[in-house]
């Protein structure tokens, strides 16, 4: 699942690090709403702080 507005080209992963500290079980398919919420938060932060890379 690729989320965002073009600022990230790889899919997001979601892990429960308290139960899976080695990050073997990606939960992004099971919790797409959580992935979208976290992705939106990251994108908003990145735009506010001007850390989005310039397009090539």
PDB file of N, CA and C in Angstrom:
ATOM      1  N   UNK A   1       0.849  -1.171   0.000  1.00  0.00           N
ATOM      2  CA  UNK A   1       0.000   0.000   0.000  1.00  0.00           C
ATOM      3  C   UNK A   1       0.894   1.234   0.000  1.00  0.00           C
ATOM      4  N   UNK A   2       0.712   2.051  -0.995  1.00  0.00           N
ATOM      5  CA  UNK A   2       1.461   3.298  -1.084  1.00  0.00           C
ATOM      6  C   UNK A   2       0.541   4.428  -0.681  1.00  0.00           C
ATOM      7  N   UNK A   3       0.944   5.194   0.306  1.00  0.00           N
ATOM      8  CA  UNK A   3       0.119   6.269   0.847  1.00  0.00           C
ATOM      9  C   UNK A   3       0.889   7.574   0.724  1.00  0.00           C
ATOM     10  N   UNK A   4       0.176   8.657   0.577  1.00  0.00           N
ATOM     11  CA  UNK A   4       0.832   9.956   0.576  1.00  0.00           C
ATOM     12  C   UNK A   4       0.535  10.726  -0.686  1.00  0.00           C
ATOM     13  N   UNK A   5       1.242  11.787  -0.863  1.00  0.00           N
ATOM     14  CA  UNK A   5       1.003  12.668  -2.006  1.00  0.00           C
ATOM     15  C   UNK A   5       2.219  12.715  -2.915  1.00  0.00           C
ATOM     16  N   UNK A   6       2.853  11.584  -3.104  1.00  0.00           N
ATOM     17  CA  UNK A   6       4.007  11.526  -3.981  1.00  0.00           C
ATOM     18  C   UNK A   6       5.322  11.810  -3.289  1.00  0.00           C
ATOM     19  N   UNK A   7       5.310  12.000  -1.977  1.00  0.00           N
ATOM     20  CA  UNK A   7       6.544  12.317  -1.276  1.00  0.00           C
ATOM     21  C   UNK A   7       7.312  11.062  -0.887  1.00  0.00           C
ATOM     22  N   UNK A   8       6.656   9.931  -0.939  1.00  0.00           N
ATOM     23  CA  UNK A   8       7.303   8.676  -0.585  1.00  0.00           C
ATOM     24  C   UNK A   8       7.004   7.684  -1.695  1.00  0.00           C
ATOM     25  N   UNK A   9       8.033   7.031  -2.219  1.00  0.00           N
ATOM     26  CA  UNK A   9       7.826   6.149  -3.353  1.00  0.00           C
ATOM     27  C   UNK A   9       7.722   4.686  -2.952  1.00  0.00           C
ATOM     28  N   UNK A  10       8.108   4.333  -1.755  1.00  0.00           N
ATOM     29  CA  UNK A  10       7.997   2.952  -1.298  1.00  0.00           C
ATOM     30  C   UNK A  10       6.804   2.819  -0.364  1.00  0.00           C
ATOM     31  N   UNK A  11       6.296   1.610  -0.236  1.00  0.00           N
ATOM     32  CA  UNK A  11       5.130   1.422   0.621  1.00  0.00           C
ATOM     33  C   UNK A  11       5.514   1.562   2.092  1.00  0.00           C
ATOM     34  N   UNK A  12       4.569   2.015   2.882  1.00  0.00           N
ATOM     35  CA  UNK A  12       4.754   2.122   4.312  1.00  0.00           C
ATOM     36  C   UNK A  12       4.585   0.751   4.938  1.00  0.00           C
ATOM     37  N   UNK A  13       5.295   0.503   6.011  1.00  0.00           N
ATOM     38  CA  UNK A  13       5.146  -0.716   6.798  1.00  0.00           C
ATOM     39  C   UNK A  13       4.671  -0.317   8.180  1.00  0.00           C
ATOM     40  N   UNK A  14       4.022  -1.257   8.859  1.00  0.00           N
ATOM     41  CA  UNK A  14       3.523  -0.998  10.200  1.00  0.00           C
ATOM     42  C   UNK A  14       3.835  -2.216  11.064  1.00  0.00           C
ATOM     43  N   UNK A  15       4.494  -1.987  12.186  1.00  0.00           N
ATOM     44  CA  UNK A  15       4.885  -3.076  13.079  1.00  0.00           C
ATOM     45  C   UNK A  15       4.481  -2.751  14.505  1.00  0.00           C
ATOM     46  N   UNK A  16       4.160  -3.782  15.261  1.00  0.00           N
ATOM     47  CA  UNK A  16       3.935  -3.659  16.697  1.00  0.00           C
ATOM     48  C   UNK A  16       5.246  -4.065  17.366  1.00  0.00           C
ATOM     49  N   UNK A  17       6.096  -3.081  17.623  1.00  0.00           N
ATOM     50  CA  UNK A  17       7.440  -3.418  18.097  1.00  0.00           C
ATOM     51  C   UNK A  17       7.471  -3.968  19.518  1.00  0.00           C
ATOM     52  N   UNK A  18       6.382  -3.803  20.277  1.00  0.00           N
ATOM     53  CA  UNK A  18       6.355  -4.430  21.602  1.00  0.00           C
ATOM     54  C   UNK A  18       6.166  -5.933  21.493  1.00  0.00           C
ATOM     55  N   UNK A  19       5.438  -6.385  20.469  1.00  0.00           N
ATOM     56  CA  UNK A  19       5.209  -7.816  20.260  1.00  0.00           C
ATOM     57  C   UNK A  19       6.122  -8.400  19.189  1.00  0.00           C
ATOM     58  N   UNK A  20       6.653  -7.552  18.332  1.00  0.00           N
ATOM     59  CA  UNK A  20       7.464  -7.993  17.203  1.00  0.00           C
ATOM     60  C   UNK A  20       8.684  -7.086  17.056  1.00  0.00           C
ATOM     61  N   UNK A  21       9.626  -7.133  18.014  1.00  0.00           N
ATOM     62  CA  UNK A  21      10.761  -6.203  17.992  1.00  0.00           C
ATOM     63  C   UNK A  21      11.697  -6.391  16.799  1.00  0.00           C
ATOM     64  N   UNK A  22      11.637  -7.537  16.145  1.00  0.00           N
ATOM     65  CA  UNK A  22      12.492  -7.761  14.979  1.00  0.00           C
ATOM     66  C   UNK A  22      11.807  -7.379  13.674  1.00  0.00           C
ATOM     67  N   UNK A  23      10.597  -6.824  13.780  1.00  0.00           N
ATOM     68  CA  UNK A  23       9.836  -6.308  12.639  1.00  0.00           C
ATOM     69  C   UNK A  23       9.702  -7.346  11.521  1.00  0.00           C
ATOM     70  N   UNK A  24       9.181  -8.511  11.877  1.00  0.00           N
ATOM     71  CA  UNK A  24       8.985  -9.581  10.907  1.00  0.00           C
ATOM     72  C   UNK A  24       7.567  -9.604  10.348  1.00  0.00           C
ATOM     73  N   UNK A  25       6.592  -9.064  11.078  1.00  0.00           N
ATOM     74  CA  UNK A  25       5.188  -9.135  10.675  1.00  0.00           C
ATOM     75  C   UNK A  25       4.640  -7.746  10.360  1.00  0.00           C
ATOM     76  N   UNK A  26       4.584  -7.445   9.078  1.00  0.00           N
ATOM     77  CA  UNK A  26       4.067  -6.155   8.623  1.00  0.00           C
ATOM     78  C   UNK A  26       2.546  -6.156   8.780  1.00  0.00           C
ATOM     79  N   UNK A  27       2.026  -5.211   9.545  1.00  0.00           N
ATOM     80  CA  UNK A  27       0.596  -5.125   9.833  1.00  0.00           C
ATOM     81  C   UNK A  27      -0.125  -4.097   8.963  1.00  0.00           C
ATOM     82  N   UNK A  28       0.554  -3.547   7.961  1.00  0.00           N
ATOM     83  CA  UNK A  28      -0.040  -2.469   7.170  1.00  0.00           C
ATOM     84  C   UNK A  28      -1.291  -2.904   6.411  1.00  0.00           C
ATOM     85  N   UNK A  29      -1.365  -4.145   5.972  1.00  0.00           N
ATOM     86  CA  UNK A  29      -2.554  -4.618   5.255  1.00  0.00           C
ATOM     87  C   UNK A  29      -3.731  -4.775   6.211  1.00  0.00           C
ATOM     88  N   UNK A  30      -3.439  -5.171   7.443  1.00  0.00           N
ATOM     89  CA  UNK A  30      -4.508  -5.354   8.436  1.00  0.00           C
ATOM     90  C   UNK A  30      -5.047  -4.037   8.972  1.00  0.00           C
ATOM     91  N   UNK A  31      -4.229  -2.992   8.964  1.00  0.00           N
ATOM     92  CA  UNK A  31      -4.615  -1.711   9.549  1.00  0.00           C
ATOM     93  C   UNK A  31      -4.372  -0.560   8.570  1.00  0.00           C
ATOM     94  N   UNK A  32      -5.039  -0.566   7.411  1.00  0.00           N
ATOM     95  CA  UNK A  32      -4.789   0.488   6.420  1.00  0.00           C
ATOM     96  C   UNK A  32      -5.175   1.885   6.902  1.00  0.00           C
ATOM     97  N   UNK A  33      -6.195   1.989   7.758  1.00  0.00           N
ATOM     98  CA  UNK A  33      -6.577   3.312   8.278  1.00  0.00           C
ATOM     99  C   UNK A  33      -5.479   3.898   9.154  1.00  0.00           C
ATOM    100  N   UNK A  34      -4.826   3.058   9.937  1.00  0.00           N
ATOM    101  CA  UNK A  34      -3.724   3.514  10.799  1.00  0.00           C
ATOM    102  C   UNK A  34      -2.545   3.957   9.941  1.00  0.00           C
ATOM    103  N   UNK A  35      -2.251   3.181   8.903  1.00  0.00           N
ATOM    104  CA  UNK A  35      -1.150   3.536   7.999  1.00  0.00           C
ATOM    105  C   UNK A  35      -1.433   4.878   7.336  1.00  0.00           C
ATOM    106  N   UNK A  36      -2.659   5.079   6.883  1.00  0.00           N
ATOM    107  CA  UNK A  36      -3.016   6.350   6.238  1.00  0.00           C
ATOM    108  C   UNK A  36      -2.895   7.513   7.216  1.00  0.00           C
ATOM    109  N   UNK A  37      -3.376   7.329   8.441  1.00  0.00           N
ATOM    110  CA  UNK A  37      -3.295   8.402   9.441  1.00  0.00           C
ATOM    111  C   UNK A  37      -1.839   8.757   9.748  1.00  0.00           C
ATOM    112  N   UNK A  38      -1.003   7.745   9.928  1.00  0.00           N
ATOM    113  CA  UNK A  38       0.406   8.007  10.222  1.00  0.00           C
ATOM    114  C   UNK A  38       1.117   8.631   9.026  1.00  0.00           C
ATOM    115  N   UNK A  39       0.788   8.168   7.823  1.00  0.00           N
ATOM    116  CA  UNK A  39       1.376   8.725   6.610  1.00  0.00           C
ATOM    117  C   UNK A  39       0.982  10.192   6.435  1.00  0.00           C
ATOM    118  N   UNK A  40      -0.291  10.484   6.641  1.00  0.00           N
ATOM    119  CA  UNK A  40      -0.751  11.867   6.539  1.00  0.00           C
ATOM    120  C   UNK A  40      -0.047  12.762   7.552  1.00  0.00           C
ATOM    121  N   UNK A  41       0.121  12.267   8.769  1.00  0.00           N
ATOM    122  CA  UNK A  41       0.828  13.040   9.803  1.00  0.00           C
ATOM    123  C   UNK A  41       2.270  13.307   9.380  1.00  0.00           C
ATOM    124  N   UNK A  42       2.930  12.276   8.862  1.00  0.00           N
ATOM    125  CA  UNK A  42       4.319  12.438   8.440  1.00  0.00           C
ATOM    126  C   UNK A  42       4.410  13.444   7.301  1.00  0.00           C
ATOM    127  N   UNK A  43       3.531  13.301   6.304  1.00  0.00           N
ATOM    128  CA  UNK A  43       3.562  14.221   5.162  1.00  0.00           C
ATOM    129  C   UNK A  43       3.308  15.665   5.593  1.00  0.00           C
ATOM    130  N   UNK A  44       2.365  15.874   6.488  1.00  0.00           N
ATOM    131  CA  UNK A  44       2.098  17.233   6.992  1.00  0.00           C
ATOM    132  C   UNK A  44       3.322  17.798   7.690  1.00  0.00           C
ATOM    133  N   UNK A  45       3.943  16.997   8.546  1.00  0.00           N
ATOM    134  CA  UNK A  45       5.140  17.438   9.265  1.00  0.00           C
ATOM    135  C   UNK A  45       6.260  17.763   8.275  1.00  0.00           C
ATOM    136  N   UNK A  46       6.467  16.875   7.304  1.00  0.00           N
ATOM    137  CA  UNK A  46       7.559  17.058   6.344  1.00  0.00           C
ATOM    138  C   UNK A  46       7.373  18.335   5.525  1.00  0.00           C
ATOM    139  N   UNK A  47       6.143  18.616   5.124  1.00  0.00           N
ATOM    140  CA  UNK A  47       5.896  19.849   4.366  1.00  0.00           C
ATOM    141  C   UNK A  47       6.094  21.090   5.244  1.00  0.00           C
ATOM    142  N   UNK A  48       5.647  21.031   6.478  1.00  0.00           N
ATOM    143  CA  UNK A  48       5.812  22.182   7.384  1.00  0.00           C
ATOM    144  C   UNK A  48       7.273  22.483   7.658  1.00  0.00           C
ATOM    145  N   UNK A  49       8.112  21.444   7.671  1.00  0.00           N
ATOM    146  CA  UNK A  49       9.527  21.620   8.012  1.00  0.00           C
ATOM    147  C   UNK A  49      10.432  21.587   6.792  1.00  0.00           C
ATOM    148  N   UNK A  50       9.818  21.592   5.612  1.00  0.00           N
ATOM    149  CA  UNK A  50      10.558  21.683   4.350  1.00  0.00           C
ATOM    150  C   UNK A  50      11.621  20.599   4.209  1.00  0.00           C
ATOM    151  N   UNK A  51      11.242  19.370   4.506  1.00  0.00           N
ATOM    152  CA  UNK A  51      12.183  18.258   4.383  1.00  0.00           C
ATOM    153  C   UNK A  51      11.835  17.334   3.214  1.00  0.00           C
ATOM    154  N   UNK A  52      10.875  17.750   2.399  1.00  0.00           N
ATOM    155  CA  UNK A  52      10.517  16.968   1.224  1.00  0.00           C
ATOM    156  C   UNK A  52      11.590  17.181   0.169  1.00  0.00           C
ATOM    157  N   UNK A  53      12.135  16.098  -0.397  1.00  0.00           N
ATOM    158  CA  UNK A  53      13.147  16.296  -1.448  1.00  0.00           C
ATOM    159  C   UNK A  53      12.544  16.958  -2.679  1.00  0.00           C
ATOM    160  N   UNK A  54      13.367  17.726  -3.376  1.00  0.00           N
ATOM    161  CA  UNK A  54      12.924  18.359  -4.614  1.00  0.00           C
ATOM    162  C   UNK A  54      12.744  17.283  -5.684  1.00  0.00           C
ATOM    163  N   UNK A  55      11.769  17.468  -6.573  1.00  0.00           N
ATOM    164  CA  UNK A  55      11.597  16.496  -7.659  1.00  0.00           C
ATOM    165  C   UNK A  55      12.814  16.472  -8.566  1.00  0.00           C
ATOM    166  N   UNK A  56      13.079  15.326  -9.152  1.00  0.00           N
ATOM    167  CA  UNK A  56      14.241  15.196 -10.052  1.00  0.00           C
ATOM    168  C   UNK A  56      13.899  15.669 -11.426  1.00  0.00           C
TER     169      UNK A  56
END
